[in-house]
Amino acid sequence: MTVDAASACSACVFVDDHEPNVTAATATGMRGVLYRIDRGDDLRALLVAIGVDVA
């Protein structure tokens, strides 16, 4: 079985509190979420907003 790296990356979600890291992850094809608990971010809502099923 052959796995397409681009497809594998697009199935991943990278969550971090440092924007350059999220930018680097999205450059590889991953979905990225900038999560800042110090700003009161709601991780569940951020994930839902990019289409992640968090049920």
PDB file of N, CA and C in Angstrom:
ATOM      1  N   MET A   1       0.843  -1.176   0.000  1.00  0.00           N
ATOM      2  CA  MET A   1       0.000   0.000   0.000  1.00  0.00           C
ATOM      3  C   MET A   1       0.888   1.239   0.000  1.00  0.00           C
ATOM      4  N   THR A   2       0.589   2.156  -0.864  1.00  0.00           N
ATOM      5  CA  THR A   2       1.331   3.406  -0.958  1.00  0.00           C
ATOM      6  C   THR A   2       0.522   4.519  -0.316  1.00  0.00           C
ATOM      7  N   VAL A   3       1.205   5.307   0.504  1.00  0.00           N
ATOM      8  CA  VAL A   3       0.544   6.434   1.156  1.00  0.00           C
ATOM      9  C   VAL A   3       1.097   7.718   0.562  1.00  0.00           C
ATOM     10  N   ASP A   4       0.209   8.566   0.098  1.00  0.00           N
ATOM     11  CA  ASP A   4       0.574   9.865  -0.441  1.00  0.00           C
ATOM     12  C   ASP A   4       0.870  10.799   0.734  1.00  0.00           C
ATOM     13  N   ALA A   5       2.091  11.328   0.786  1.00  0.00           N
ATOM     14  CA  ALA A   5       2.495  12.187   1.905  1.00  0.00           C
ATOM     15  C   ALA A   5       1.587  13.405   2.037  1.00  0.00           C
ATOM     16  N   ALA A   6       1.177  13.977   0.938  1.00  0.00           N
ATOM     17  CA  ALA A   6       0.305  15.149   0.991  1.00  0.00           C
ATOM     18  C   ALA A   6      -1.044  14.795   1.622  1.00  0.00           C
ATOM     19  N   SER A   7      -1.576  13.630   1.276  1.00  0.00           N
ATOM     20  CA  SER A   7      -2.841  13.199   1.866  1.00  0.00           C
ATOM     21  C   SER A   7      -2.687  12.916   3.345  1.00  0.00           C
ATOM     22  N   ALA A   8      -1.565  12.315   3.717  1.00  0.00           N
ATOM     23  CA  ALA A   8      -1.312  12.023   5.127  1.00  0.00           C
ATOM     24  C   ALA A   8      -1.211  13.320   5.927  1.00  0.00           C
ATOM     25  N   CYS A   9      -0.538  14.309   5.395  1.00  0.00           N
ATOM     26  CA  CYS A   9      -0.401  15.589   6.094  1.00  0.00           C
ATOM     27  C   CYS A   9      -1.745  16.289   6.239  1.00  0.00           C
ATOM     28  N   SER A  10      -2.551  16.239   5.217  1.00  0.00           N
ATOM     29  CA  SER A  10      -3.832  16.944   5.273  1.00  0.00           C
ATOM     30  C   SER A  10      -4.788  16.296   6.273  1.00  0.00           C
ATOM     31  N   ALA A  11      -4.497  15.062   6.684  1.00  0.00           N
ATOM     32  CA  ALA A  11      -5.315  14.387   7.686  1.00  0.00           C
ATOM     33  C   ALA A  11      -4.898  14.759   9.104  1.00  0.00           C
ATOM     34  N   CYS A  12      -3.792  15.496   9.233  1.00  0.00           N
ATOM     35  CA  CYS A  12      -3.266  15.872  10.545  1.00  0.00           C
ATOM     36  C   CYS A  12      -3.681  17.288  10.922  1.00  0.00           C
ATOM     37  N   VAL A  13      -3.803  17.499  12.220  1.00  0.00           N
ATOM     38  CA  VAL A  13      -4.047  18.831  12.749  1.00  0.00           C
ATOM     39  C   VAL A  13      -2.934  19.142  13.740  1.00  0.00           C
ATOM     40  N   PHE A  14      -2.260  20.243  13.534  1.00  0.00           N
ATOM     41  CA  PHE A  14      -1.177  20.687  14.412  1.00  0.00           C
ATOM     42  C   PHE A  14      -1.706  21.821  15.279  1.00  0.00           C
ATOM     43  N   VAL A  15      -1.579  21.667  16.589  1.00  0.00           N
ATOM     44  CA  VAL A  15      -2.055  22.682  17.529  1.00  0.00           C
ATOM     45  C   VAL A  15      -0.854  23.186  18.319  1.00  0.00           C
ATOM     46  N   ASP A  16      -0.698  24.507  18.359  1.00  0.00           N
ATOM     47  CA  ASP A  16       0.433  25.089  19.081  1.00  0.00           C
ATOM     48  C   ASP A  16       0.075  26.512  19.503  1.00  0.00           C
ATOM     49  N   ASP A  17       0.842  27.037  20.438  1.00  0.00           N
ATOM     50  CA  ASP A  17       0.595  28.405  20.901  1.00  0.00           C
ATOM     51  C   ASP A  17       1.578  29.407  20.318  1.00  0.00           C
ATOM     52  N   HIS A  18       2.431  28.955  19.414  1.00  0.00           N
ATOM     53  CA  HIS A  18       3.439  29.822  18.804  1.00  0.00           C
ATOM     54  C   HIS A  18       3.172  29.899  17.292  1.00  0.00           C
ATOM     55  N   GLU A  19       2.746  31.065  16.834  1.00  0.00           N
ATOM     56  CA  GLU A  19       2.280  31.216  15.448  1.00  0.00           C
ATOM     57  C   GLU A  19       3.279  30.739  14.388  1.00  0.00           C
ATOM     58  N   PRO A  20       4.587  31.001  14.521  1.00  0.00           N
ATOM     59  CA  PRO A  20       5.515  30.495  13.502  1.00  0.00           C
ATOM     60  C   PRO A  20       5.488  28.965  13.367  1.00  0.00           C
ATOM     61  N   ASN A  21       5.255  28.267  14.462  1.00  0.00           N
ATOM     62  CA  ASN A  21       5.167  26.803  14.390  1.00  0.00           C
ATOM     63  C   ASN A  21       3.923  26.365  13.628  1.00  0.00           C
ATOM     64  N   VAL A  22       2.815  27.052  13.863  1.00  0.00           N
ATOM     65  CA  VAL A  22       1.577  26.732  13.155  1.00  0.00           C
ATOM     66  C   VAL A  22       1.738  27.040  11.664  1.00  0.00           C
ATOM     67  N   THR A  23       2.381  28.149  11.353  1.00  0.00           N
ATOM     68  CA  THR A  23       2.630  28.518   9.959  1.00  0.00           C
ATOM     69  C   THR A  23       3.488  27.462   9.266  1.00  0.00           C
ATOM     70  N   ALA A  24       4.513  26.984   9.949  1.00  0.00           N
ATOM     71  CA  ALA A  24       5.379  25.945   9.374  1.00  0.00           C
ATOM     72  C   ALA A  24       4.603  24.653   9.137  1.00  0.00           C
ATOM     73  N   ALA A  25       3.745  24.301  10.057  1.00  0.00           N
ATOM     74  CA  ALA A  25       2.946  23.082   9.899  1.00  0.00           C
ATOM     75  C   ALA A  25       2.002  23.196   8.712  1.00  0.00           C
ATOM     76  N   THR A  26       1.359  24.351   8.573  1.00  0.00           N
ATOM     77  CA  THR A  26       0.436  24.515   7.448  1.00  0.00           C
ATOM     78  C   THR A  26       1.183  24.527   6.115  1.00  0.00           C
ATOM     79  N   ALA A  27       2.431  24.944   6.139  1.00  0.00           N
ATOM     80  CA  ALA A  27       3.235  24.926   4.909  1.00  0.00           C
ATOM     81  C   ALA A  27       3.507  23.499   4.434  1.00  0.00           C
ATOM     82  N   THR A  28       3.437  22.527   5.340  1.00  0.00           N
ATOM     83  CA  THR A  28       3.642  21.133   4.953  1.00  0.00           C
ATOM     84  C   THR A  28       2.356  20.465   4.501  1.00  0.00           C
ATOM     85  N   GLY A  29       1.231  21.174   4.639  1.00  0.00           N
ATOM     86  CA  GLY A  29      -0.057  20.620   4.228  1.00  0.00           C
ATOM     87  C   GLY A  29      -0.956  20.237   5.381  1.00  0.00           C
ATOM     88  N   MET A  30      -0.454  20.354   6.612  1.00  0.00           N
ATOM     89  CA  MET A  30      -1.303  20.064   7.766  1.00  0.00           C
ATOM     90  C   MET A  30      -2.278  21.206   7.997  1.00  0.00           C
ATOM     91  N   ARG A  31      -3.350  20.907   8.685  1.00  0.00           N
ATOM     92  CA  ARG A  31      -4.220  21.965   9.165  1.00  0.00           C
ATOM     93  C   ARG A  31      -3.619  22.450  10.480  1.00  0.00           C
ATOM     94  N   GLY A  32      -3.589  23.747  10.675  1.00  0.00           N
ATOM     95  CA  GLY A  32      -2.968  24.296  11.866  1.00  0.00           C
ATOM     96  C   GLY A  32      -3.932  25.124  12.686  1.00  0.00           C
ATOM     97  N   VAL A  33      -3.766  25.040  13.999  1.00  0.00           N
ATOM     98  CA  VAL A  33      -4.596  25.798  14.930  1.00  0.00           C
ATOM     99  C   VAL A  33      -3.682  26.521  15.897  1.00  0.00           C
ATOM    100  N   LEU A  34      -3.835  27.837  15.947  1.00  0.00           N
ATOM    101  CA  LEU A  34      -3.135  28.639  16.942  1.00  0.00           C
ATOM    102  C   LEU A  34      -4.014  28.676  18.180  1.00  0.00           C
ATOM    103  N   TYR A  35      -3.552  28.035  19.248  1.00  0.00           N
ATOM    104  CA  TYR A  35      -4.339  27.902  20.476  1.00  0.00           C
ATOM    105  C   TYR A  35      -3.626  28.631  21.600  1.00  0.00           C
ATOM    106  N   ARG A  36      -4.254  29.669  22.106  1.00  0.00           N
ATOM    107  CA  ARG A  36      -3.664  30.479  23.174  1.00  0.00           C
ATOM    108  C   ARG A  36      -4.599  30.475  24.376  1.00  0.00           C
ATOM    109  N   ILE A  37      -4.311  29.625  25.323  1.00  0.00           N
ATOM    110  CA  ILE A  37      -5.133  29.553  26.528  1.00  0.00           C
ATOM    111  C   ILE A  37      -5.070  30.857  27.308  1.00  0.00           C
ATOM    112  N   ASP A  38      -3.934  31.565  27.201  1.00  0.00           N
ATOM    113  CA  ASP A  38      -3.796  32.837  27.912  1.00  0.00           C
ATOM    114  C   ASP A  38      -4.719  33.913  27.344  1.00  0.00           C
ATOM    115  N   ARG A  39      -5.238  33.683  26.160  1.00  0.00           N
ATOM    116  CA  ARG A  39      -6.201  34.611  25.547  1.00  0.00           C
ATOM    117  C   ARG A  39      -7.630  34.111  25.681  1.00  0.00           C
ATOM    118  N   GLY A  40      -7.781  32.985  26.348  1.00  0.00           N
ATOM    119  CA  GLY A  40      -9.117  32.431  26.546  1.00  0.00           C
ATOM    120  C   GLY A  40      -9.645  31.650  25.350  1.00  0.00           C
ATOM    121  N   ASP A  41      -8.752  31.209  24.465  1.00  0.00           N
ATOM    122  CA  ASP A  41      -9.197  30.452  23.291  1.00  0.00           C
ATOM    123  C   ASP A  41      -9.911  29.167  23.708  1.00  0.00           C
ATOM    124  N   ASP A  42     -10.886  28.797  22.941  1.00  0.00           N
ATOM    125  CA  ASP A  42     -11.647  27.566  23.136  1.00  0.00           C
ATOM    126  C   ASP A  42     -11.168  26.563  22.086  1.00  0.00           C
ATOM    127  N   LEU A  43     -10.358  25.599  22.517  1.00  0.00           N
ATOM    128  CA  LEU A  43      -9.775  24.652  21.566  1.00  0.00           C
ATOM    129  C   LEU A  43     -10.844  23.873  20.820  1.00  0.00           C
ATOM    130  N   ARG A  44     -11.853  23.439  21.513  1.00  0.00           N
ATOM    131  CA  ARG A  44     -12.927  22.689  20.857  1.00  0.00           C
ATOM    132  C   ARG A  44     -13.542  23.510  19.724  1.00  0.00           C
ATOM    133  N   ALA A  45     -13.842  24.776  19.987  1.00  0.00           N
ATOM    134  CA  ALA A  45     -14.441  25.632  18.966  1.00  0.00           C
ATOM    135  C   ALA A  45     -13.483  25.856  17.802  1.00  0.00           C
ATOM    136  N   LEU A  46     -12.210  26.013  18.097  1.00  0.00           N
ATOM    137  CA  LEU A  46     -11.221  26.208  17.022  1.00  0.00           C
ATOM    138  C   LEU A  46     -11.131  24.974  16.137  1.00  0.00           C
ATOM    139  N   LEU A  47     -11.175  23.798  16.741  1.00  0.00           N
ATOM    140  CA  LEU A  47     -11.123  22.552  15.962  1.00  0.00           C
ATOM    141  C   LEU A  47     -12.380  22.368  15.117  1.00  0.00           C
ATOM    142  N   VAL A  48     -13.521  22.647  15.704  1.00  0.00           N
ATOM    143  CA  VAL A  48     -14.793  22.539  14.962  1.00  0.00           C
ATOM    144  C   VAL A  48     -14.777  23.501  13.770  1.00  0.00           C
ATOM    145  N   ALA A  49     -14.198  24.683  13.969  1.00  0.00           N
ATOM    146  CA  ALA A  49     -14.172  25.697  12.904  1.00  0.00           C
ATOM    147  C   ALA A  49     -13.378  25.242  11.686  1.00  0.00           C
ATOM    148  N   ILE A  50     -12.427  24.310  11.878  1.00  0.00           N
ATOM    149  CA  ILE A  50     -11.669  23.809  10.714  1.00  0.00           C
ATOM    150  C   ILE A  50     -12.161  22.435  10.262  1.00  0.00           C
ATOM    151  N   GLY A  51     -13.303  22.000  10.821  1.00  0.00           N
ATOM    152  CA  GLY A  51     -13.923  20.776  10.336  1.00  0.00           C
ATOM    153  C   GLY A  51     -13.552  19.508  11.073  1.00  0.00           C
ATOM    154  N   VAL A  52     -12.963  19.622  12.247  1.00  0.00           N
ATOM    155  CA  VAL A  52     -12.606  18.434  13.017  1.00  0.00           C
ATOM    156  C   VAL A  52     -13.825  17.988  13.817  1.00  0.00           C
ATOM    157  N   ASP A  53     -14.130  16.694  13.750  1.00  0.00           N
ATOM    158  CA  ASP A  53     -15.239  16.130  14.513  1.00  0.00           C
ATOM    159  C   ASP A  53     -14.748  15.873  15.938  1.00  0.00           C
ATOM    160  N   VAL A  54     -15.241  16.644  16.883  1.00  0.00           N
ATOM    161  CA  VAL A  54     -14.788  16.534  18.262  1.00  0.00           C
ATOM    162  C   VAL A  54     -15.843  15.897  19.176  1.00  0.00           C
ATOM    163  N   ALA A  55     -16.818  15.285  18.561  1.00  0.00           N
ATOM    164  CA  ALA A  55     -17.909  14.667  19.345  1.00  0.00           C
ATOM    165  C   ALA A  55     -17.434  13.492  20.156  1.00  0.00           C
TER     166      ALA A  55
END
